[in-house]
Protein backbone atom coordinates (compact mmCIF):
# COMPACT_ATOMS: atom_id res chain seq x y z
CA MET A 1 -77.87 -14.92 -26.03
CA GLY A 2 -76.79 -18.32 -27.36
CA GLU A 3 -73.48 -16.99 -28.66
CA ASP A 4 -72.80 -15.19 -25.38
CA PHE A 5 -73.52 -18.37 -23.47
CA ALA A 6 -71.33 -20.61 -25.62
CA ALA A 7 -68.39 -18.21 -25.61
CA ALA A 8 -68.47 -17.90 -21.85
CA LEU A 9 -68.39 -21.61 -21.04
CA PRO A 10 -65.33 -23.22 -19.42
CA ALA A 11 -62.90 -24.62 -22.01
CA ASN A 12 -62.49 -27.92 -20.18
CA ALA A 13 -62.88 -29.57 -16.79
CA TRP A 14 -59.50 -28.56 -15.33
CA ASN A 15 -58.49 -25.06 -16.47
CA TRP A 16 -60.21 -23.52 -13.45
CA ILE A 17 -57.58 -25.07 -11.19
CA ALA A 18 -55.05 -22.49 -12.40
CA VAL A 19 -57.32 -19.65 -11.22
CA TRP A 20 -57.94 -21.42 -7.91
CA ARG A 21 -54.20 -21.90 -7.40
CA ARG A 22 -53.47 -18.26 -8.25
CA ASN A 23 -55.95 -17.08 -5.62
CA TYR A 24 -54.62 -19.57 -3.07
CA LEU A 25 -51.04 -18.37 -3.49
CA SER A 26 -52.17 -14.77 -3.11
CA TRP A 27 -54.28 -15.63 -0.05
CA LYS A 28 -51.40 -17.38 1.72
CA LYS A 29 -49.67 -14.04 2.30
CA ALA A 30 -52.48 -12.89 4.59
CA ALA A 31 -54.03 -16.21 5.55
CA LEU A 32 -54.27 -15.62 9.29
CA ALA A 33 -55.99 -12.23 8.98
CA SER A 34 -58.39 -13.66 6.39
CA ILE A 35 -59.34 -16.63 8.57
CA LEU A 36 -59.89 -14.49 11.66
CA GLY A 37 -61.99 -12.04 9.66
CA ASN A 38 -64.26 -14.79 8.33
CA LEU A 39 -64.70 -16.32 11.78
CA ALA A 40 -65.31 -13.14 13.77
CA ASP A 41 -69.05 -12.61 13.22
CA PRO A 42 -70.17 -16.26 13.54
CA MET A 43 -68.07 -16.79 16.66
CA ILE A 44 -69.44 -13.62 18.26
CA TYR A 45 -72.98 -14.80 17.51
CA LEU A 46 -72.19 -18.26 18.84
CA PHE A 47 -70.66 -17.22 22.14
CA GLY A 48 -72.45 -13.90 22.59
CA LEU A 49 -76.00 -14.93 21.74
CA GLY A 50 -75.49 -18.58 22.55
CA THR A 51 -74.17 -18.04 26.05
CA GLY A 52 -76.02 -14.86 27.04
CA LEU A 53 -79.38 -15.39 25.37
CA GLY A 54 -79.14 -19.14 25.91
CA MET A 55 -79.34 -18.66 29.67
CA MET A 56 -82.73 -16.99 29.27
CA VAL A 57 -84.10 -19.12 26.44
CA GLY A 58 -83.12 -22.49 27.81
CA ARG A 59 -83.68 -25.45 25.48
CA VAL A 60 -84.80 -25.14 21.87
CA GLU A 61 -86.10 -28.15 19.92
CA ASP A 62 -84.96 -30.50 22.70
CA THR A 63 -81.38 -29.24 22.75
CA SER A 64 -79.46 -26.39 24.34
CA TYR A 65 -79.76 -23.04 22.58
CA VAL A 66 -75.99 -22.93 22.03
CA ALA A 67 -76.07 -26.27 20.21
CA PHE A 68 -79.06 -25.11 18.17
CA LEU A 69 -77.29 -21.86 17.29
CA ALA A 70 -73.98 -23.57 16.45
CA ALA A 71 -75.44 -25.33 13.42
CA GLY A 72 -76.90 -22.06 12.18
CA MET A 73 -73.55 -20.33 12.57
CA VAL A 74 -71.77 -23.05 10.57
CA ALA A 75 -74.06 -22.41 7.62
CA THR A 76 -73.89 -18.64 8.14
CA SER A 77 -70.09 -18.64 8.19
CA ALA A 78 -70.03 -20.53 4.89
CA MET A 79 -72.49 -18.03 3.41
CA THR A 80 -70.51 -15.03 4.64
CA ALA A 81 -67.06 -16.29 3.68
CA SER A 82 -67.98 -17.22 0.12
CA THR A 83 -70.07 -14.08 -0.45
CA PHE A 84 -67.43 -11.67 0.79
CA GLU A 85 -64.69 -13.42 -1.17
CA THR A 86 -66.74 -13.01 -4.33
CA ILE A 87 -67.97 -9.45 -3.97
CA TYR A 88 -64.96 -7.89 -2.24
CA ALA A 89 -62.07 -9.90 -3.69
CA ALA A 90 -63.20 -11.18 -7.09
CA PHE A 91 -64.75 -7.83 -8.00
CA PRO A 92 -61.46 -5.85 -7.76
CA ARG A 93 -59.64 -8.64 -9.59
CA MET A 94 -62.12 -8.13 -12.40
CA ARG A 95 -62.18 -4.31 -12.38
CA GLU A 96 -59.34 -2.34 -10.74
CA GLN A 97 -56.58 -4.94 -10.82
CA ARG A 98 -57.63 -6.24 -14.26
CA THR A 99 -56.39 -9.69 -13.32
CA TRP A 100 -59.15 -11.32 -15.31
CA GLU A 101 -58.17 -9.39 -18.41
CA ALA A 102 -54.61 -10.66 -18.11
CA ILE A 103 -55.79 -14.24 -17.65
CA LEU A 104 -57.99 -13.98 -20.74
CA TYR A 105 -54.83 -13.49 -22.83
CA THR A 106 -53.97 -17.11 -22.01
CA GLN A 107 -55.86 -20.22 -23.13
CA LEU A 108 -58.36 -19.81 -20.28
CA THR A 109 -61.89 -18.66 -21.02
CA LEU A 110 -64.18 -16.47 -18.94
CA GLY A 111 -65.97 -19.61 -17.81
CA ASP A 112 -62.69 -21.02 -16.49
CA ILE A 113 -62.10 -17.81 -14.52
CA VAL A 114 -65.59 -17.73 -13.04
CA LEU A 115 -65.48 -21.41 -12.11
CA GLY A 116 -62.06 -20.96 -10.50
CA GLU A 117 -63.28 -17.95 -8.53
CA LEU A 118 -66.35 -19.83 -7.31
CA ALA A 119 -64.28 -22.87 -6.36
CA TRP A 120 -61.91 -20.67 -4.38
CA ALA A 121 -64.78 -18.89 -2.61
CA ALA A 122 -66.28 -22.30 -1.77
CA THR A 123 -62.89 -23.36 -0.40
CA LYS A 124 -62.81 -20.38 1.95
CA ALA A 125 -66.37 -21.13 3.00
CA PHE A 126 -65.36 -24.73 3.67
CA MET A 127 -62.46 -23.64 5.87
CA ALA A 128 -64.62 -21.19 7.84
CA GLY A 129 -67.53 -23.58 8.31
CA THR A 130 -65.30 -26.51 9.20
CA THR A 131 -63.44 -24.49 11.82
CA ILE A 132 -66.66 -23.52 13.59
CA THR A 133 -67.89 -27.11 13.34
CA ILE A 134 -64.72 -28.36 15.03
CA VAL A 135 -64.98 -25.72 17.76
CA ALA A 136 -68.62 -26.68 18.38
CA ALA A 137 -67.72 -30.37 18.53
CA MET A 138 -64.84 -29.71 20.94
CA LEU A 139 -67.22 -27.82 23.25
CA GLY A 140 -69.77 -30.64 23.10
CA TYR A 141 -72.31 -28.84 20.92
CA ALA A 142 -71.99 -31.26 18.00
CA ALA A 143 -71.64 -35.03 17.69
CA TRP A 144 -68.15 -35.99 16.52
CA PRO A 145 -69.06 -38.96 14.27
CA SER A 146 -71.64 -36.86 12.45
CA VAL A 147 -69.28 -33.95 11.77
CA LEU A 148 -67.88 -35.67 8.69
CA TYR A 149 -71.32 -35.64 7.06
CA VAL A 150 -71.54 -31.88 7.57
CA LEU A 151 -68.47 -31.11 5.46
CA PRO A 152 -70.01 -31.72 1.99
CA ALA A 153 -72.99 -29.55 2.96
CA ILE A 154 -70.63 -26.73 3.96
CA ALA A 155 -68.82 -26.91 0.62
CA LEU A 156 -72.08 -26.96 -1.35
CA THR A 157 -73.38 -24.01 0.67
CA GLY A 158 -70.22 -22.06 -0.09
CA PHE A 159 -70.47 -22.73 -3.83
CA ALA A 160 -74.17 -21.81 -3.93
CA PHE A 161 -73.67 -18.45 -2.23
CA ALA A 162 -70.55 -17.72 -4.26
CA SER A 163 -72.56 -18.33 -7.42
CA LEU A 164 -75.31 -15.98 -6.25
CA ALA A 165 -72.75 -13.34 -5.30
CA MET A 166 -71.04 -13.65 -8.69
CA THR A 167 -74.30 -12.63 -10.35
CA VAL A 168 -74.41 -9.58 -8.10
CA THR A 169 -70.78 -8.86 -8.97
CA ALA A 170 -71.62 -8.98 -12.67
CA LEU A 171 -74.40 -6.42 -12.23
CA ALA A 172 -72.92 -4.04 -9.63
CA PRO A 173 -71.47 -0.80 -11.08
CA SER A 174 -69.37 -0.22 -7.93
CA TYR A 175 -68.69 -1.42 -4.40
CA HIS A 176 -71.46 0.77 -3.02
CA TYR A 177 -74.14 -1.49 -4.49
CA PHE A 178 -73.00 -4.51 -2.49
CA VAL A 179 -74.49 -3.03 0.67
CA PHE A 180 -77.96 -3.52 -0.82
CA TYR A 181 -77.27 -7.21 -1.36
CA GLN A 182 -76.04 -7.59 2.22
CA SER A 183 -78.77 -5.53 3.86
CA LEU A 184 -81.77 -6.56 1.77
CA PHE A 185 -80.94 -10.21 1.10
CA LEU A 186 -78.29 -11.74 3.38
CA THR A 187 -79.28 -10.14 6.69
CA PRO A 188 -83.04 -10.86 6.44
CA MET A 189 -82.24 -14.41 5.32
CA LEU A 190 -80.17 -14.93 8.48
CA PHE A 191 -83.28 -14.38 10.60
CA LEU A 192 -85.77 -16.11 8.29
CA SER A 193 -83.87 -19.36 7.74
CA GLY A 194 -83.74 -20.78 11.24
CA ALA A 195 -80.16 -19.85 12.02
CA VAL A 196 -80.93 -17.88 15.20
CA PHE A 197 -84.37 -19.21 16.15
CA PRO A 198 -86.67 -21.95 14.80
CA VAL A 199 -88.55 -21.21 11.60
CA THR A 200 -91.69 -22.49 13.33
CA GLN A 201 -91.70 -19.31 15.42
CA LEU A 202 -92.34 -17.24 12.29
CA SER A 203 -95.75 -16.44 10.86
CA GLY A 204 -97.14 -18.73 8.19
CA THR A 205 -96.20 -16.38 5.36
CA PHE A 206 -92.57 -16.13 6.41
CA GLN A 207 -92.41 -19.88 6.93
CA GLN A 208 -93.41 -20.31 3.30
CA VAL A 209 -90.76 -17.79 2.24
CA ALA A 210 -88.13 -19.70 4.21
CA HIS A 211 -88.72 -22.79 2.07
CA PHE A 212 -87.17 -20.94 -0.89
CA LEU A 213 -84.10 -19.55 0.89
CA PRO A 214 -80.74 -21.26 0.26
CA LEU A 215 -79.57 -20.71 3.83
CA ALA A 216 -82.63 -22.54 5.16
CA HIS A 217 -81.81 -25.58 3.00
CA SER A 218 -78.22 -25.48 4.19
CA ILE A 219 -79.24 -25.35 7.85
CA ASP A 220 -81.74 -28.18 7.36
CA LEU A 221 -78.85 -30.31 6.08
CA ILE A 222 -76.30 -29.30 8.70
CA ARG A 223 -78.28 -29.08 11.95
CA PRO A 224 -79.61 -32.68 12.08
CA GLU A 225 -76.12 -34.05 11.45
CA MET A 226 -74.47 -31.88 14.09
CA LEU A 227 -77.14 -32.84 16.63
CA ASP A 228 -76.99 -36.50 15.51
CA ARG A 229 -80.64 -36.58 14.49
CA PRO A 230 -82.36 -38.10 11.46
CA ALA A 231 -82.64 -35.61 8.63
CA GLY A 232 -85.66 -35.33 6.38
CA GLY A 233 -85.88 -34.13 2.79
CA ILE A 234 -82.15 -34.52 2.14
CA ALA A 235 -82.62 -34.85 -1.63
CA LEU A 236 -84.80 -31.72 -1.68
CA HIS A 237 -82.26 -29.64 0.24
CA ILE A 238 -79.32 -30.84 -1.86
CA GLY A 239 -81.27 -30.26 -5.07
CA ALA A 240 -82.22 -26.72 -4.01
CA LEU A 241 -78.63 -25.82 -3.17
CA CYS A 242 -77.43 -27.31 -6.47
CA MET A 243 -79.99 -25.18 -8.29
CA TYR A 244 -78.73 -22.07 -6.49
CA ALA A 245 -75.18 -23.08 -7.42
CA VAL A 246 -75.68 -23.95 -11.10
CA LEU A 247 -78.24 -21.49 -12.46
CA PRO A 248 -76.58 -18.28 -11.18
CA PHE A 249 -73.24 -19.67 -12.36
CA PHE A 250 -74.36 -19.80 -15.98
CA LEU A 251 -76.24 -16.51 -15.68
CA SER A 252 -73.19 -14.74 -14.24
CA MET A 253 -70.99 -15.96 -17.09
CA VAL A 254 -73.29 -14.41 -19.67
CA LEU A 255 -73.61 -11.15 -17.72
CA LEU A 256 -69.86 -10.91 -17.12
CA ARG A 257 -69.07 -11.51 -20.80
CA ARG A 258 -71.39 -8.67 -21.80
CA ARG A 259 -69.87 -6.44 -19.16
CA LEU A 260 -66.27 -7.13 -20.20
CA MET A 261 -67.12 -6.68 -23.88
CA ARG A 262 -68.30 -3.08 -23.38
């Protein structure tokens, strides 16, 4: 275990940039389609549920339902963009395209590759979340001065979910197994984390479960800033997201090294 861990570490603090740049140059060729794809679901939730359901629900936590939902969709878009980039783009680069194998013939290590992939997935999450934040602010559902404080939370959310997804990528034998991760983890978390309705509306047991979900910590960082309200437990939420970013990162490196060595 120790040898696997040491061999999989990044070689230095900057090699990952080459992997990030490679993915960016490849992404530029289909940038518009990629951006629209990442924004589709959150924007449909925002305008579909926010406008339609908002007329029946009225105000939630002393704000309009659309404004309440907008913050949830910012965090959700970051989760979705980074997850899908990792499981549906990084996975083929590792397996079918064998891009990782080619990179490993250079001075880069597996850790450099994984870190570069996670940084790129976090970048896509940042772009998706920031776009929805700007749209919400333009429509009056977010406070402009506070938007700047949301951006670091979006990036951290993207990295955390990319790290979790990389662990799934390391374990999944094929694409078919990703549906279990989406259906059994991501979708329930969307409804348990306060993205669509307040966590306080859940039963006591599910409220306790929500305290351990990364999306809930992300929303608790983003929503107060977008609504220009004081936020509580900032250190706790940041620490939890950092834990979800760092621990799966190291675990995925070990698992990926064992997988590639077979």
